[in-house]
């Protein structure tokens, strides 16, 4: 391999590099017990960039905290969050990301779109049940198994609801951020539900509901514009399913679903598909928590402008920049 990392955890054999993210390089690797896995190794520059270093630490700790009780979160196998031997091993999802699938296929069949949305919602419901906010729900952070099921992953910007720094920072990707975050509000379960609604709109309609060439332009769209009628993009979409997506995307956080469990029940009923996972904790985790926030990070620059693409007008960047 051309870029042999300085550290590889014991018993792991690198096969090939899968790609690189903001905080880590990702390798396909083999392990005698786990078999084929995804191995995340932090980028060298994390040693001099504490913000990115904390993001990697977050991902290791949160993903390990979520690894039991669901099939809809990318499963952590082993990991160490800090130091020269930091790493994270995850189950390998050979289907790539939902973002890649949408780029390659455009609109999916309505049944497949609905099933993927329910899969993502089940993963998010599990995270909230463990008191974890994702804070960057989007197709690029959804991974597909070999049989085409979806799993929520990449918890680098995630945070426990009990972390009292949650009020102090604005994180996420501008295409999917809730209106209250643009206005200086804090992340909470309703902001994750809004992002889930935007993802559902995109997966069903084949395009994002809001487009803009800068962070400020996207902020204006989320705060004051209405997306194109989803039923005009999908003639086979029922009014009931359209209503569920629009409720999740309500600009007024109090008018969204009170929990992801409530979204799952409504979406399942409207689509005629069974939920992907158990719907529990609906009353106890409504998201109007008065608890606390996350680690401080200075906001990066504005979102890169989307590029034009064929029928759907815009090409989503492979890595949406976060604010």
Protein backbone atom coordinates (compact mmCIF):
# COMPACT_ATOMS: atom_id res chain seq x y z
CA UNK A 1 0.00 0.00 0.00
CA UNK A 2 1.24 3.47 -0.83
CA UNK A 3 0.24 5.16 2.43
CA UNK A 4 1.01 2.71 5.20
CA UNK A 5 -0.28 4.19 8.48
CA UNK A 6 2.17 4.53 11.35
CA UNK A 7 -0.10 2.50 13.62
CA UNK A 8 -2.35 -0.48 12.93
CA UNK A 9 -3.98 -2.21 15.92
CA UNK A 10 -2.87 -5.73 16.67
CA UNK A 11 -4.45 -8.58 14.67
CA UNK A 12 -5.77 -6.29 11.94
CA UNK A 13 -4.48 -6.69 8.37
CA UNK A 14 -5.12 -3.82 5.99
CA UNK A 15 -6.69 -4.75 2.65
CA UNK A 16 -7.23 -1.38 0.96
CA UNK A 17 -8.08 2.20 1.69
CA UNK A 18 -11.78 2.99 1.45
CA UNK A 19 -11.55 6.76 1.76
CA UNK A 20 -10.89 9.69 4.05
CA UNK A 21 -13.11 11.88 6.17
CA UNK A 22 -12.68 15.05 8.15
CA UNK A 23 -11.06 13.27 11.09
CA UNK A 24 -9.84 9.89 9.85
CA UNK A 25 -8.68 7.62 7.07
CA UNK A 26 -10.86 4.57 6.59
CA UNK A 27 -9.43 1.19 5.59
CA UNK A 28 -10.95 -2.14 4.75
CA UNK A 29 -9.22 -4.63 7.03
CA UNK A 30 -9.36 -8.27 8.08
CA UNK A 31 -9.49 -9.57 11.64
CA UNK A 32 -9.31 -13.24 12.67
CA UNK A 33 -12.50 -12.98 14.76
CA UNK A 34 -14.44 -10.08 13.23
CA UNK A 35 -13.67 -10.89 9.59
CA UNK A 36 -13.94 -8.02 7.12
CA UNK A 37 -14.28 -4.67 8.94
CA UNK A 38 -13.86 -0.92 8.46
CA UNK A 39 -10.89 0.48 10.37
CA UNK A 40 -10.81 4.20 11.13
CA UNK A 41 -7.41 5.70 11.96
CA UNK A 42 -7.18 9.39 12.92
CA UNK A 43 -5.47 11.76 10.51
CA UNK A 44 -2.03 13.00 11.60
CA UNK A 45 -3.21 16.63 11.71
CA UNK A 46 -5.53 15.81 14.61
CA UNK A 47 -2.55 16.09 16.94
CA UNK A 48 -2.44 19.85 16.27
CA UNK A 49 -6.21 20.40 15.84
CA UNK A 50 -8.05 19.81 19.12
CA UNK A 51 -11.47 20.43 17.55
CA UNK A 52 -11.05 17.57 15.09
CA UNK A 53 -9.39 15.42 17.71
CA UNK A 54 -12.46 15.78 19.96
CA UNK A 55 -14.69 14.84 17.03
CA UNK A 56 -12.82 11.56 16.58
CA UNK A 57 -12.93 10.89 20.32
CA UNK A 58 -16.68 11.60 20.25
CA UNK A 59 -17.25 9.12 17.46
CA UNK A 60 -15.35 6.35 19.23
CA UNK A 61 -17.12 6.88 22.55
CA UNK A 62 -20.63 7.41 21.20
CA UNK A 63 -20.55 4.60 18.65
CA UNK A 64 -19.36 2.18 21.32
CA UNK A 65 -22.16 3.38 23.61
CA UNK A 66 -24.73 2.59 20.88
CA UNK A 67 -23.47 -0.80 19.75
CA UNK A 68 -26.03 -2.96 21.54
CA UNK A 69 -29.76 -3.25 20.96
CA UNK A 70 -30.21 -2.30 17.31
CA UNK A 71 -29.37 -3.36 13.77
CA UNK A 72 -29.77 0.17 12.45
CA UNK A 73 -26.67 1.89 13.78
CA UNK A 74 -23.27 1.00 12.30
CA UNK A 75 -21.86 -1.34 14.92
CA UNK A 76 -18.63 -0.53 16.73
CA UNK A 77 -16.39 -3.53 17.36
CA UNK A 78 -13.34 -2.14 19.14
CA UNK A 79 -11.73 1.21 19.64
CA UNK A 80 -9.52 3.51 21.64
CA UNK A 81 -10.38 7.24 21.55
CA UNK A 82 -7.13 9.02 22.38
CA UNK A 83 -3.38 9.06 21.90
CA UNK A 84 -1.02 7.70 19.29
CA UNK A 85 -2.88 4.38 19.22
CA UNK A 86 -6.38 5.78 18.75
CA UNK A 87 -8.58 3.81 16.37
CA UNK A 88 -12.12 2.64 15.77
CA UNK A 89 -13.25 -0.57 14.09
CA UNK A 90 -16.74 -0.82 12.66
CA UNK A 91 -18.78 -3.36 10.79
CA UNK A 92 -18.14 -3.01 7.07
CA UNK A 93 -21.15 -1.86 5.01
CA UNK A 94 -20.29 -2.83 1.42
CA UNK A 95 -23.24 -0.96 -0.11
CA UNK A 96 -21.58 2.44 0.35
CA UNK A 97 -23.58 5.44 1.52
CA UNK A 98 -27.15 6.51 0.87
CA UNK A 99 -25.72 9.70 -0.63
CA UNK A 100 -23.83 7.66 -3.23
CA UNK A 101 -26.95 5.61 -3.99
CA UNK A 102 -28.98 8.78 -4.64
CA UNK A 103 -26.25 10.18 -6.87
CA UNK A 104 -26.14 6.99 -8.89
CA UNK A 105 -29.83 6.13 -9.01
CA UNK A 106 -31.70 9.41 -8.56
CA UNK A 107 -35.25 8.59 -7.52
CA UNK A 108 -35.78 5.23 -5.90
CA UNK A 109 -39.00 3.26 -5.92
CA UNK A 110 -41.34 4.61 -3.29
CA UNK A 111 -41.30 1.35 -1.36
CA UNK A 112 -37.51 1.23 -1.24
CA UNK A 113 -37.30 4.92 -0.30
CA UNK A 114 -39.78 4.40 2.54
CA UNK A 115 -37.95 1.33 3.82
CA UNK A 116 -34.62 3.17 3.90
CA UNK A 117 -36.20 6.11 5.76
CA UNK A 118 -37.67 3.75 8.36
CA UNK A 119 -34.25 2.11 8.77
CA UNK A 120 -32.58 5.49 9.39
CA UNK A 121 -35.36 6.50 11.77
CA UNK A 122 -34.91 3.27 13.74
CA UNK A 123 -31.20 4.03 14.16
CA UNK A 124 -31.93 7.58 15.27
CA UNK A 125 -34.63 6.41 17.68
CA UNK A 126 -32.13 4.02 19.23
CA UNK A 127 -29.56 6.82 19.62
CA UNK A 128 -32.09 9.11 21.30
CA UNK A 129 -33.12 6.27 23.58
CA UNK A 130 -29.49 6.13 24.72
CA UNK A 131 -29.56 9.92 25.23
CA UNK A 132 -27.38 10.60 22.18
CA UNK A 133 -28.04 13.35 19.63
CA UNK A 134 -26.59 12.75 16.18
CA UNK A 135 -26.64 16.41 15.03
CA UNK A 136 -25.73 15.65 11.41
CA UNK A 137 -28.38 13.32 10.01
CA UNK A 138 -27.94 13.26 6.21
CA UNK A 139 -27.57 10.67 3.42
CA UNK A 140 -23.76 10.86 3.52
CA UNK A 141 -23.88 9.55 7.10
CA UNK A 142 -26.14 6.61 6.28
CA UNK A 143 -24.44 3.36 5.27
CA UNK A 144 -25.91 0.46 3.29
CA UNK A 145 -25.45 -3.23 3.97
CA UNK A 146 -24.92 -5.82 1.28
CA UNK A 147 -28.67 -6.52 1.19
CA UNK A 148 -29.51 -2.82 0.86
CA UNK A 149 -30.64 -1.98 4.40
CA UNK A 150 -29.64 1.35 5.93
CA UNK A 151 -27.65 2.04 9.09
CA UNK A 152 -27.00 5.40 10.71
CA UNK A 153 -23.32 6.14 11.31
CA UNK A 154 -20.66 8.83 11.73
CA UNK A 155 -21.34 10.18 15.20
CA UNK A 156 -18.36 12.58 15.14
CA UNK A 157 -20.60 15.59 15.79
CA UNK A 158 -22.85 13.66 18.16
CA UNK A 159 -23.28 14.49 21.80
CA UNK A 160 -24.94 13.15 24.92
CA UNK A 161 -28.08 15.06 25.92
CA UNK A 162 -26.55 15.42 29.38
CA UNK A 163 -23.53 17.38 28.13
CA UNK A 164 -24.01 20.96 29.32
CA UNK A 165 -22.02 22.53 26.47
CA UNK A 166 -24.75 21.66 23.96
CA UNK A 167 -26.11 25.21 24.04
CA UNK A 168 -22.81 26.80 23.10
CA UNK A 169 -22.18 25.58 19.58
CA UNK A 170 -23.75 25.28 16.17
CA UNK A 171 -22.89 22.13 14.26
CA UNK A 172 -24.37 20.25 11.34
CA UNK A 173 -24.61 20.55 7.58
CA UNK A 174 -26.48 23.60 6.29
CA UNK A 175 -28.61 21.64 3.79
CA UNK A 176 -30.12 19.68 6.70
CA UNK A 177 -29.92 22.03 9.70
CA UNK A 178 -33.05 22.97 11.62
CA UNK A 179 -34.15 26.63 11.46
CA UNK A 180 -33.64 27.19 15.18
CA UNK A 181 -29.95 26.30 14.83
CA UNK A 182 -29.46 29.06 12.25
CA UNK A 183 -31.03 31.44 14.77
CA UNK A 184 -28.63 30.49 17.55
CA UNK A 185 -30.82 27.86 19.21
CA UNK A 186 -29.38 24.68 20.65
CA UNK A 187 -29.37 21.15 19.32
CA UNK A 188 -31.99 18.82 20.72
CA UNK A 189 -34.18 15.93 19.63
CA UNK A 190 -36.44 18.22 17.52
CA UNK A 191 -33.46 19.44 15.47
CA UNK A 192 -32.48 15.82 14.73
CA UNK A 193 -36.09 15.14 13.69
CA UNK A 194 -36.01 18.11 11.31
CA UNK A 195 -32.85 16.72 9.68
CA UNK A 196 -34.57 13.33 9.40
CA UNK A 197 -37.49 15.06 7.66
CA UNK A 198 -35.15 16.74 5.18
CA UNK A 199 -33.47 13.38 4.51
CA UNK A 200 -36.90 11.78 3.97
CA UNK A 201 -37.86 14.53 1.52
CA UNK A 202 -34.63 14.01 -0.43
CA UNK A 203 -34.86 10.22 -0.52
CA UNK A 204 -38.49 10.31 -1.68
CA UNK A 205 -38.24 13.29 -4.04
CA UNK A 206 -34.77 12.73 -5.48
CA UNK A 207 -33.61 16.23 -4.62
CA UNK A 208 -32.99 18.38 -1.57
CA UNK A 209 -35.82 20.63 -0.41
CA UNK A 210 -33.58 23.69 -0.02
CA UNK A 211 -30.72 24.77 -2.25
CA UNK A 212 -28.23 27.61 -1.96
CA UNK A 213 -24.72 28.56 -2.94
CA UNK A 214 -23.66 29.76 0.52
CA UNK A 215 -24.40 29.22 4.17
CA UNK A 216 -26.39 32.47 4.32
CA UNK A 217 -28.46 31.56 1.27
CA UNK A 218 -29.32 28.18 2.79
CA UNK A 219 -30.16 29.83 6.10
CA UNK A 220 -32.64 32.11 4.33
CA UNK A 221 -34.21 29.11 2.59
CA UNK A 222 -34.71 27.17 5.82
CA UNK A 223 -36.05 30.21 7.66
CA UNK A 224 -38.42 31.67 5.09
CA UNK A 225 -39.01 29.44 2.05
CA UNK A 226 -41.30 26.51 1.36
CA UNK A 227 -39.88 23.51 -0.49
CA UNK A 228 -41.35 22.36 -3.77
CA UNK A 229 -44.46 20.29 -3.19
CA UNK A 230 -43.18 16.76 -2.67
CA UNK A 231 -46.19 15.27 -4.44
CA UNK A 232 -45.25 17.22 -7.56
CA UNK A 233 -41.97 15.27 -7.53
CA UNK A 234 -43.68 11.93 -6.83
CA UNK A 235 -47.05 11.30 -8.40
CA UNK A 236 -47.30 8.03 -6.45
CA UNK A 237 -46.87 9.71 -3.06
CA UNK A 238 -49.95 9.62 -0.84
CA UNK A 239 -51.19 12.81 0.88
CA UNK A 240 -50.75 11.05 4.23
CA UNK A 241 -47.05 10.28 3.68
CA UNK A 242 -46.47 13.79 2.35
CA UNK A 243 -48.02 15.20 5.54
CA UNK A 244 -45.73 13.09 7.76
CA UNK A 245 -42.60 14.39 5.99
CA UNK A 246 -43.78 17.99 6.12
CA UNK A 247 -44.60 17.73 9.83
CA UNK A 248 -41.08 16.48 10.56
CA UNK A 249 -39.78 19.51 8.59
CA UNK A 250 -41.96 22.09 10.34
CA UNK A 251 -40.12 25.37 10.96
CA UNK A 252 -41.80 25.49 14.38
CA UNK A 253 -40.02 22.88 16.49
CA UNK A 254 -43.07 22.46 18.72
CA UNK A 255 -45.13 21.30 15.71
CA UNK A 256 -42.74 18.50 14.76
CA UNK A 257 -43.11 15.00 16.12
CA UNK A 258 -42.35 14.85 19.82
CA UNK A 259 -40.01 11.90 19.32
CA UNK A 260 -38.57 9.77 16.54
CA UNK A 261 -40.79 6.95 17.81
CA UNK A 262 -43.84 9.08 16.95
CA UNK A 263 -42.40 9.79 13.49
CA UNK A 264 -41.86 6.06 12.92
CA UNK A 265 -45.43 5.18 13.88
CA UNK A 266 -46.90 7.89 11.62
CA UNK A 267 -44.57 7.09 8.71
CA UNK A 268 -45.19 3.36 9.03
CA UNK A 269 -48.95 3.82 9.06
CA UNK A 270 -48.88 6.20 6.08
CA UNK A 271 -46.53 4.00 4.03
CA UNK A 272 -48.11 0.67 4.92
CA UNK A 273 -44.70 -0.73 5.90
CA UNK A 274 -43.84 -2.17 9.32
CA UNK A 275 -41.31 -0.28 11.46
CA UNK A 276 -37.68 -1.33 11.06
CA UNK A 277 -37.09 -1.56 14.80
CA UNK A 278 -39.02 -1.51 18.05
CA UNK A 279 -40.67 1.81 18.82
CA UNK A 280 -40.16 2.43 22.50
CA UNK A 281 -39.51 5.22 24.96
CA UNK A 282 -41.97 7.52 23.13
CA UNK A 283 -43.05 9.29 26.27
CA UNK A 284 -39.74 9.49 28.10
CA UNK A 285 -37.60 10.86 25.26
CA UNK A 286 -39.64 13.61 23.65
CA UNK A 287 -36.67 15.83 23.01
CA UNK A 288 -37.90 18.88 24.90
CA UNK A 289 -35.20 18.08 27.39
CA UNK A 290 -33.95 20.84 29.65
CA UNK A 291 -30.72 18.96 30.06
CA UNK A 292 -27.46 19.93 28.53
CA UNK A 293 -25.10 20.32 25.44
CA UNK A 294 -21.52 19.56 23.90
CA UNK A 295 -17.87 20.33 23.29
CA UNK A 296 -16.92 23.74 21.99
CA UNK A 297 -15.83 23.99 18.39
CA UNK A 298 -15.30 27.15 16.38
CA UNK A 299 -17.61 27.00 13.36
CA UNK A 300 -15.91 26.23 10.04
CA UNK A 301 -16.54 28.37 7.01
CA UNK A 302 -19.71 28.44 4.92
CA UNK A 303 -20.98 25.45 3.01
CA UNK A 304 -19.44 24.84 -0.38
CA UNK A 305 -21.85 25.74 -3.20
CA UNK A 306 -23.56 22.74 -4.72
CA UNK A 307 -22.71 21.92 -8.32
CA UNK A 308 -25.19 21.48 -11.15
CA UNK A 309 -26.30 18.04 -12.10
CA UNK A 310 -28.59 16.72 -14.81
CA UNK A 311 -32.24 16.15 -14.11
CA UNK A 312 -32.19 17.13 -10.47
CA UNK A 313 -30.36 20.41 -10.97
CA UNK A 314 -27.74 20.05 -8.24
CA UNK A 315 -24.96 17.67 -7.40
CA UNK A 316 -24.48 17.16 -3.69
CA UNK A 317 -20.83 17.37 -2.65
CA UNK A 318 -19.40 14.06 -1.51
CA UNK A 319 -18.49 15.68 1.78
CA UNK A 320 -20.95 18.37 2.78
CA UNK A 321 -19.04 20.95 4.78
CA UNK A 322 -20.32 21.53 8.26
CA UNK A 323 -20.83 24.68 10.19
